[in-house]
Amino acid sequence: MPEERGVARVWVYARQFYVVDPELGTDQAPDISDAGNGLIAVAEDGAGILTGLTVGPVEVTVTTHQSEPPLEGDWDEVVETSFTSSTGSALVTSWEDGEVEDLPDLASAGPGSYRMRVHARGRDAGRAEDSLGPDDDPVEAYLLQAWPAPAADEQVIRQTDQVGTEWRQL
């Protein structure tokens, strides 16, 4: 299982994008009100990632690893959590555009248990913009790192943006 990396623009709708098996669809993703950490809500075969932007493009980088990678620096919010892929497919997906091409499958080793570390930057700027058009440059960036690992408790690494604070108060 080689490590992979991809970067793409992802279209956000209703302040979220997803990691799901596209065959199961975004209905598999958990309700965003379940994201008590202010960044990601996880259910079997699905995750919803919360943004500051209501509608528009964000930049997403996905890296897959064979084991836990080192922490990346300079992010506003970072949460590490476990997810299970029963189908062996976990792809970044937009509610409006479907599966995002050019990003690797986060379930890189097939069906099983994974750790995913989600990093976010610029969500406060996204909230200030609220909506961006398809030709606008993204103001928010995300890094999703995934590797096979047994399920473990969620770990909050950094919480500094106002958007996360608002989500955590719901």
C-alpha atoms as a PDB file:
ATOM      1  CA  MET A   1       0.000   0.000   0.000  1.00  0.00           C
ATOM      2  CA  PRO A   2       1.978   3.037  -1.197  1.00  0.00           C
ATOM      3  CA  GLU A   3       1.396   6.448   0.321  1.00  0.00           C
ATOM      4  CA  GLU A   4      -0.633   8.800  -1.848  1.00  0.00           C
ATOM      5  CA  ARG A   5      -1.276  12.533  -1.982  1.00  0.00           C
ATOM      6  CA  GLY A   6      -3.776  14.660  -3.879  1.00  0.00           C
ATOM      7  CA  VAL A   7      -4.971  18.263  -3.840  1.00  0.00           C
ATOM      8  CA  ALA A   8      -8.288  19.493  -5.257  1.00  0.00           C
ATOM      9  CA  ARG A   9     -10.903  22.203  -5.039  1.00  0.00           C
ATOM     10  CA  VAL A  10     -14.010  20.866  -3.315  1.00  0.00           C
ATOM     11  CA  TRP A  11     -17.400  22.523  -3.584  1.00  0.00           C
ATOM     12  CA  VAL A  12     -18.938  23.168  -0.149  1.00  0.00           C
ATOM     13  CA  TYR A  13     -22.682  23.285   0.274  1.00  0.00           C
ATOM     14  CA  ALA A  14     -24.498  24.026   3.566  1.00  0.00           C
ATOM     15  CA  ARG A  15     -21.151  24.486   5.380  1.00  0.00           C
ATOM     16  CA  GLN A  16     -19.856  20.968   4.829  1.00  0.00           C
ATOM     17  CA  PHE A  17     -18.224  18.382   2.620  1.00  0.00           C
ATOM     18  CA  TYR A  18     -17.995  14.638   3.182  1.00  0.00           C
ATOM     19  CA  VAL A  19     -15.851  11.529   3.285  1.00  0.00           C
ATOM     20  CA  VAL A  20     -18.098   8.664   2.174  1.00  0.00           C
ATOM     21  CA  ASP A  21     -18.366   5.705  -0.141  1.00  0.00           C
ATOM     22  CA  PRO A  22     -19.951   7.379  -3.198  1.00  0.00           C
ATOM     23  CA  GLU A  23     -22.022   4.241  -3.809  1.00  0.00           C
ATOM     24  CA  LEU A  24     -23.690   4.805  -0.427  1.00  0.00           C
ATOM     25  CA  GLY A  25     -23.999   8.572  -0.986  1.00  0.00           C
ATOM     26  CA  THR A  26     -23.890  11.541   1.325  1.00  0.00           C
ATOM     27  CA  ASP A  27     -26.966  10.279   3.187  1.00  0.00           C
ATOM     28  CA  GLN A  28     -24.479   7.938   4.917  1.00  0.00           C
ATOM     29  CA  ALA A  29     -22.677  10.927   6.478  1.00  0.00           C
ATOM     30  CA  PRO A  30     -23.602  11.812  10.050  1.00  0.00           C
ATOM     31  CA  ASP A  31     -25.620  14.860  10.967  1.00  0.00           C
ATOM     32  CA  ILE A  32     -23.308  17.829  11.440  1.00  0.00           C
ATOM     33  CA  SER A  33     -24.905  18.532  14.813  1.00  0.00           C
ATOM     34  CA  ASP A  34     -22.988  15.430  15.986  1.00  0.00           C
ATOM     35  CA  ALA A  35     -19.656  17.254  15.532  1.00  0.00           C
ATOM     36  CA  GLY A  36     -19.117  18.244  19.144  1.00  0.00           C
ATOM     37  CA  ASN A  37     -15.448  18.887  18.371  1.00  0.00           C
ATOM     38  CA  GLY A  38     -16.430  21.668  15.939  1.00  0.00           C
ATOM     39  CA  LEU A  39     -14.698  20.125  12.913  1.00  0.00           C
ATOM     40  CA  ILE A  40     -15.781  16.576  12.033  1.00  0.00           C
ATOM     41  CA  ALA A  41     -18.682  14.217  12.722  1.00  0.00           C
ATOM     42  CA  VAL A  42     -18.037  10.508  12.084  1.00  0.00           C
ATOM     43  CA  ALA A  43     -20.275   7.478  11.559  1.00  0.00           C
ATOM     44  CA  GLU A  44     -19.571   4.092   9.988  1.00  0.00           C
ATOM     45  CA  ASP A  45     -18.814   4.638   6.294  1.00  0.00           C
ATOM     46  CA  GLY A  46     -19.218   8.393   6.577  1.00  0.00           C
ATOM     47  CA  ALA A  47     -17.900  11.665   7.923  1.00  0.00           C
ATOM     48  CA  GLY A  48     -19.010  15.265   7.592  1.00  0.00           C
ATOM     49  CA  ILE A  49     -16.416  18.034   7.757  1.00  0.00           C
ATOM     50  CA  LEU A  50     -17.629  21.441   8.890  1.00  0.00           C
ATOM     51  CA  THR A  51     -16.594  24.622   7.088  1.00  0.00           C
ATOM     52  CA  GLY A  52     -16.972  28.337   7.691  1.00  0.00           C
ATOM     53  CA  LEU A  53     -18.077  28.960   4.115  1.00  0.00           C
ATOM     54  CA  THR A  54     -21.749  28.308   3.366  1.00  0.00           C
ATOM     55  CA  VAL A  55     -21.317  27.741  -0.373  1.00  0.00           C
ATOM     56  CA  GLY A  56     -18.225  27.760  -2.545  1.00  0.00           C
ATOM     57  CA  PRO A  57     -14.802  26.210  -3.132  1.00  0.00           C
ATOM     58  CA  VAL A  58     -12.303  25.098  -0.485  1.00  0.00           C
ATOM     59  CA  GLU A  59      -8.897  23.525  -1.039  1.00  0.00           C
ATOM     60  CA  VAL A  60      -8.555  19.955   0.235  1.00  0.00           C
ATOM     61  CA  THR A  61      -5.351  17.930   0.448  1.00  0.00           C
ATOM     62  CA  VAL A  62      -5.613  14.196   1.159  1.00  0.00           C
ATOM     63  CA  THR A  63      -2.665  12.031   2.158  1.00  0.00           C
ATOM     64  CA  THR A  64      -2.791   8.313   2.899  1.00  0.00           C
ATOM     65  CA  HIS A  65      -0.185   6.602   5.049  1.00  0.00           C
ATOM     66  CA  GLN A  66       0.825   3.130   6.169  1.00  0.00           C
ATOM     67  CA  SER A  67       1.211   4.320   9.765  1.00  0.00           C
ATOM     68  CA  GLU A  68       0.630   7.476  11.790  1.00  0.00           C
ATOM     69  CA  PRO A  69       2.273  10.478  10.082  1.00  0.00           C
ATOM     70  CA  PRO A  70       3.906  13.354  11.964  1.00  0.00           C
ATOM     71  CA  LEU A  71       1.742  16.318  12.923  1.00  0.00           C
ATOM     72  CA  GLU A  72       1.626  19.148  10.400  1.00  0.00           C
ATOM     73  CA  GLY A  73       1.995  22.698  11.750  1.00  0.00           C
ATOM     74  CA  ASP A  74       0.226  26.039  11.285  1.00  0.00           C
ATOM     75  CA  TRP A  75      -3.426  24.925  11.324  1.00  0.00           C
ATOM     76  CA  ASP A  76      -6.310  26.594  13.179  1.00  0.00           C
ATOM     77  CA  GLU A  77      -8.116  23.361  14.093  1.00  0.00           C
ATOM     78  CA  VAL A  78      -6.854  19.766  14.203  1.00  0.00           C
ATOM     79  CA  VAL A  79      -8.878  16.712  15.293  1.00  0.00           C
ATOM     80  CA  GLU A  80      -7.910  13.046  15.016  1.00  0.00           C
ATOM     81  CA  THR A  81     -10.645  10.430  15.037  1.00  0.00           C
ATOM     82  CA  SER A  82     -11.375   6.848  13.999  1.00  0.00           C
ATOM     83  CA  PHE A  83     -13.648   5.701  11.220  1.00  0.00           C
ATOM     84  CA  THR A  84     -14.611   2.330   9.807  1.00  0.00           C
ATOM     85  CA  SER A  85     -14.983   1.608   6.125  1.00  0.00           C
ATOM     86  CA  SER A  86     -17.114  -1.501   5.659  1.00  0.00           C
ATOM     87  CA  THR A  87     -16.914  -1.176   1.861  1.00  0.00           C
ATOM     88  CA  GLY A  88     -13.231  -0.269   1.432  1.00  0.00           C
ATOM     89  CA  SER A  89     -14.026   3.098  -0.124  1.00  0.00           C
ATOM     90  CA  ALA A  90     -13.907   6.491   1.632  1.00  0.00           C
ATOM     91  CA  LEU A  91     -13.697   9.386  -0.815  1.00  0.00           C
ATOM     92  CA  VAL A  92     -13.975  13.140  -0.430  1.00  0.00           C
ATOM     93  CA  THR A  93     -17.411  13.987  -1.780  1.00  0.00           C
ATOM     94  CA  SER A  94     -19.393  17.155  -2.365  1.00  0.00           C
ATOM     95  CA  TRP A  95     -23.153  17.077  -1.905  1.00  0.00           C
ATOM     96  CA  GLU A  96     -23.542  19.083  -5.084  1.00  0.00           C
ATOM     97  CA  ASP A  97     -20.749  17.633  -7.267  1.00  0.00           C
ATOM     98  CA  GLY A  98     -20.355  14.079  -5.970  1.00  0.00           C
ATOM     99  CA  GLU A  99     -16.990  12.325  -5.740  1.00  0.00           C
ATOM    100  CA  VAL A 100     -13.988  14.643  -6.029  1.00  0.00           C
ATOM    101  CA  GLU A 101     -11.498  13.376  -8.593  1.00  0.00           C
ATOM    102  CA  ASP A 102      -7.746  13.687  -8.042  1.00  0.00           C
ATOM    103  CA  LEU A 103      -7.965  12.807  -4.341  1.00  0.00           C
ATOM    104  CA  PRO A 104      -6.884   9.376  -3.077  1.00  0.00           C
ATOM    105  CA  ASP A 105      -9.209   6.967  -1.309  1.00  0.00           C
ATOM    106  CA  LEU A 106      -8.808   7.412   2.449  1.00  0.00           C
ATOM    107  CA  ALA A 107      -9.620   3.705   2.936  1.00  0.00           C
ATOM    108  CA  SER A 108      -6.358   2.857   1.178  1.00  0.00           C
ATOM    109  CA  ALA A 109      -6.041  -0.644   2.676  1.00  0.00           C
ATOM    110  CA  GLY A 110      -9.624  -1.699   1.883  1.00  0.00           C
ATOM    111  CA  PRO A 111     -12.354  -2.441   4.430  1.00  0.00           C
ATOM    112  CA  GLY A 112     -11.418  -1.895   8.053  1.00  0.00           C
ATOM    113  CA  SER A 113     -10.594   0.598  10.775  1.00  0.00           C
ATOM    114  CA  TYR A 114      -8.688   3.831  10.129  1.00  0.00           C
ATOM    115  CA  ARG A 115      -7.494   6.940  11.915  1.00  0.00           C
ATOM    116  CA  MET A 116      -8.130  10.251  10.195  1.00  0.00           C
ATOM    117  CA  ARG A 117      -6.518  13.530  11.198  1.00  0.00           C
ATOM    118  CA  VAL A 118      -8.420  16.556   9.900  1.00  0.00           C
ATOM    119  CA  HIS A 119      -6.720  19.963   9.755  1.00  0.00           C
ATOM    120  CA  ALA A 120      -8.525  23.236   8.938  1.00  0.00           C
ATOM    121  CA  ARG A 121      -7.303  26.753   8.186  1.00  0.00           C
ATOM    122  CA  GLY A 122      -9.239  29.873   7.172  1.00  0.00           C
ATOM    123  CA  ARG A 123     -12.727  28.951   8.364  1.00  0.00           C
ATOM    124  CA  ASP A 124     -13.188  32.359   9.985  1.00  0.00           C
ATOM    125  CA  ALA A 125     -12.355  34.022   6.639  1.00  0.00           C
ATOM    126  CA  GLY A 126     -14.823  31.646   4.969  1.00  0.00           C
ATOM    127  CA  ARG A 127     -17.545  32.607   7.429  1.00  0.00           C
ATOM    128  CA  ALA A 128     -16.864  36.309   6.702  1.00  0.00           C
ATOM    129  CA  GLU A 129     -17.227  35.663   2.947  1.00  0.00           C
ATOM    130  CA  ASP A 130     -20.218  33.302   3.446  1.00  0.00           C
ATOM    131  CA  SER A 131     -20.413  32.434  -0.283  1.00  0.00           C
ATOM    132  CA  LEU A 132     -17.897  32.292  -3.097  1.00  0.00           C
ATOM    133  CA  GLY A 133     -18.400  31.665  -6.797  1.00  0.00           C
ATOM    134  CA  PRO A 134     -16.861  28.816  -8.793  1.00  0.00           C
ATOM    135  CA  ASP A 135     -14.116  31.082 -10.173  1.00  0.00           C
ATOM    136  CA  ASP A 136     -13.153  32.566  -6.786  1.00  0.00           C
ATOM    137  CA  ASP A 137      -9.974  31.463  -5.020  1.00  0.00           C
ATOM    138  CA  PRO A 138     -10.601  29.346  -1.901  1.00  0.00           C
ATOM    139  CA  VAL A 139     -10.054  31.063   1.457  1.00  0.00           C
ATOM    140  CA  GLU A 140     -10.262  27.806   3.450  1.00  0.00           C
ATOM    141  CA  ALA A 141      -7.817  24.887   3.347  1.00  0.00           C
ATOM    142  CA  TYR A 142      -8.092  21.357   4.742  1.00  0.00           C
ATOM    143  CA  LEU A 143      -5.631  18.494   5.145  1.00  0.00           C
ATOM    144  CA  LEU A 144      -7.017  14.985   5.662  1.00  0.00           C
ATOM    145  CA  GLN A 145      -4.479  12.332   6.665  1.00  0.00           C
ATOM    146  CA  ALA A 146      -5.578   8.686   6.986  1.00  0.00           C
ATOM    147  CA  TRP A 147      -3.899   5.415   7.942  1.00  0.00           C
ATOM    148  CA  PRO A 148      -5.045   1.931   8.978  1.00  0.00           C
ATOM    149  CA  ALA A 149      -5.298   1.684  12.772  1.00  0.00           C
ATOM    150  CA  PRO A 150      -7.510   0.201  15.459  1.00  0.00           C
ATOM    151  CA  ALA A 151     -10.356   2.379  16.687  1.00  0.00           C
ATOM    152  CA  ALA A 152      -9.349   4.785  19.433  1.00  0.00           C
ATOM    153  CA  ASP A 153     -10.834   7.764  21.234  1.00  0.00           C
ATOM    154  CA  GLU A 154     -11.084  11.065  19.447  1.00  0.00           C
ATOM    155  CA  GLN A 155      -8.133  13.376  20.074  1.00  0.00           C
ATOM    156  CA  VAL A 156      -8.496  17.145  19.852  1.00  0.00           C
ATOM    157  CA  ILE A 157      -5.086  18.592  18.992  1.00  0.00           C
ATOM    158  CA  ARG A 158      -5.872  22.245  18.312  1.00  0.00           C
ATOM    159  CA  GLN A 159      -8.996  24.427  18.565  1.00  0.00           C
ATOM    160  CA  THR A 160      -8.440  28.098  17.825  1.00  0.00           C
ATOM    161  CA  ASP A 161     -10.937  29.422  15.263  1.00  0.00           C
ATOM    162  CA  GLN A 162     -14.238  31.166  15.993  1.00  0.00           C
ATOM    163  CA  VAL A 163     -16.165  28.876  13.630  1.00  0.00           C
ATOM    164  CA  GLY A 164     -15.149  25.840  15.698  1.00  0.00           C
ATOM    165  CA  THR A 165     -16.098  27.629  18.900  1.00  0.00           C
ATOM    166  CA  GLU A 166     -19.575  28.330  17.471  1.00  0.00           C
ATOM    167  CA  TRP A 167     -20.048  24.698  16.361  1.00  0.00           C
ATOM    168  CA  ARG A 168     -18.948  23.429  19.780  1.00  0.00           C
ATOM    169  CA  GLN A 169     -21.563  25.603  21.505  1.00  0.00           C
ATOM    170  CA  LEU A 170     -24.496  24.057  19.607  1.00  0.00           C
END
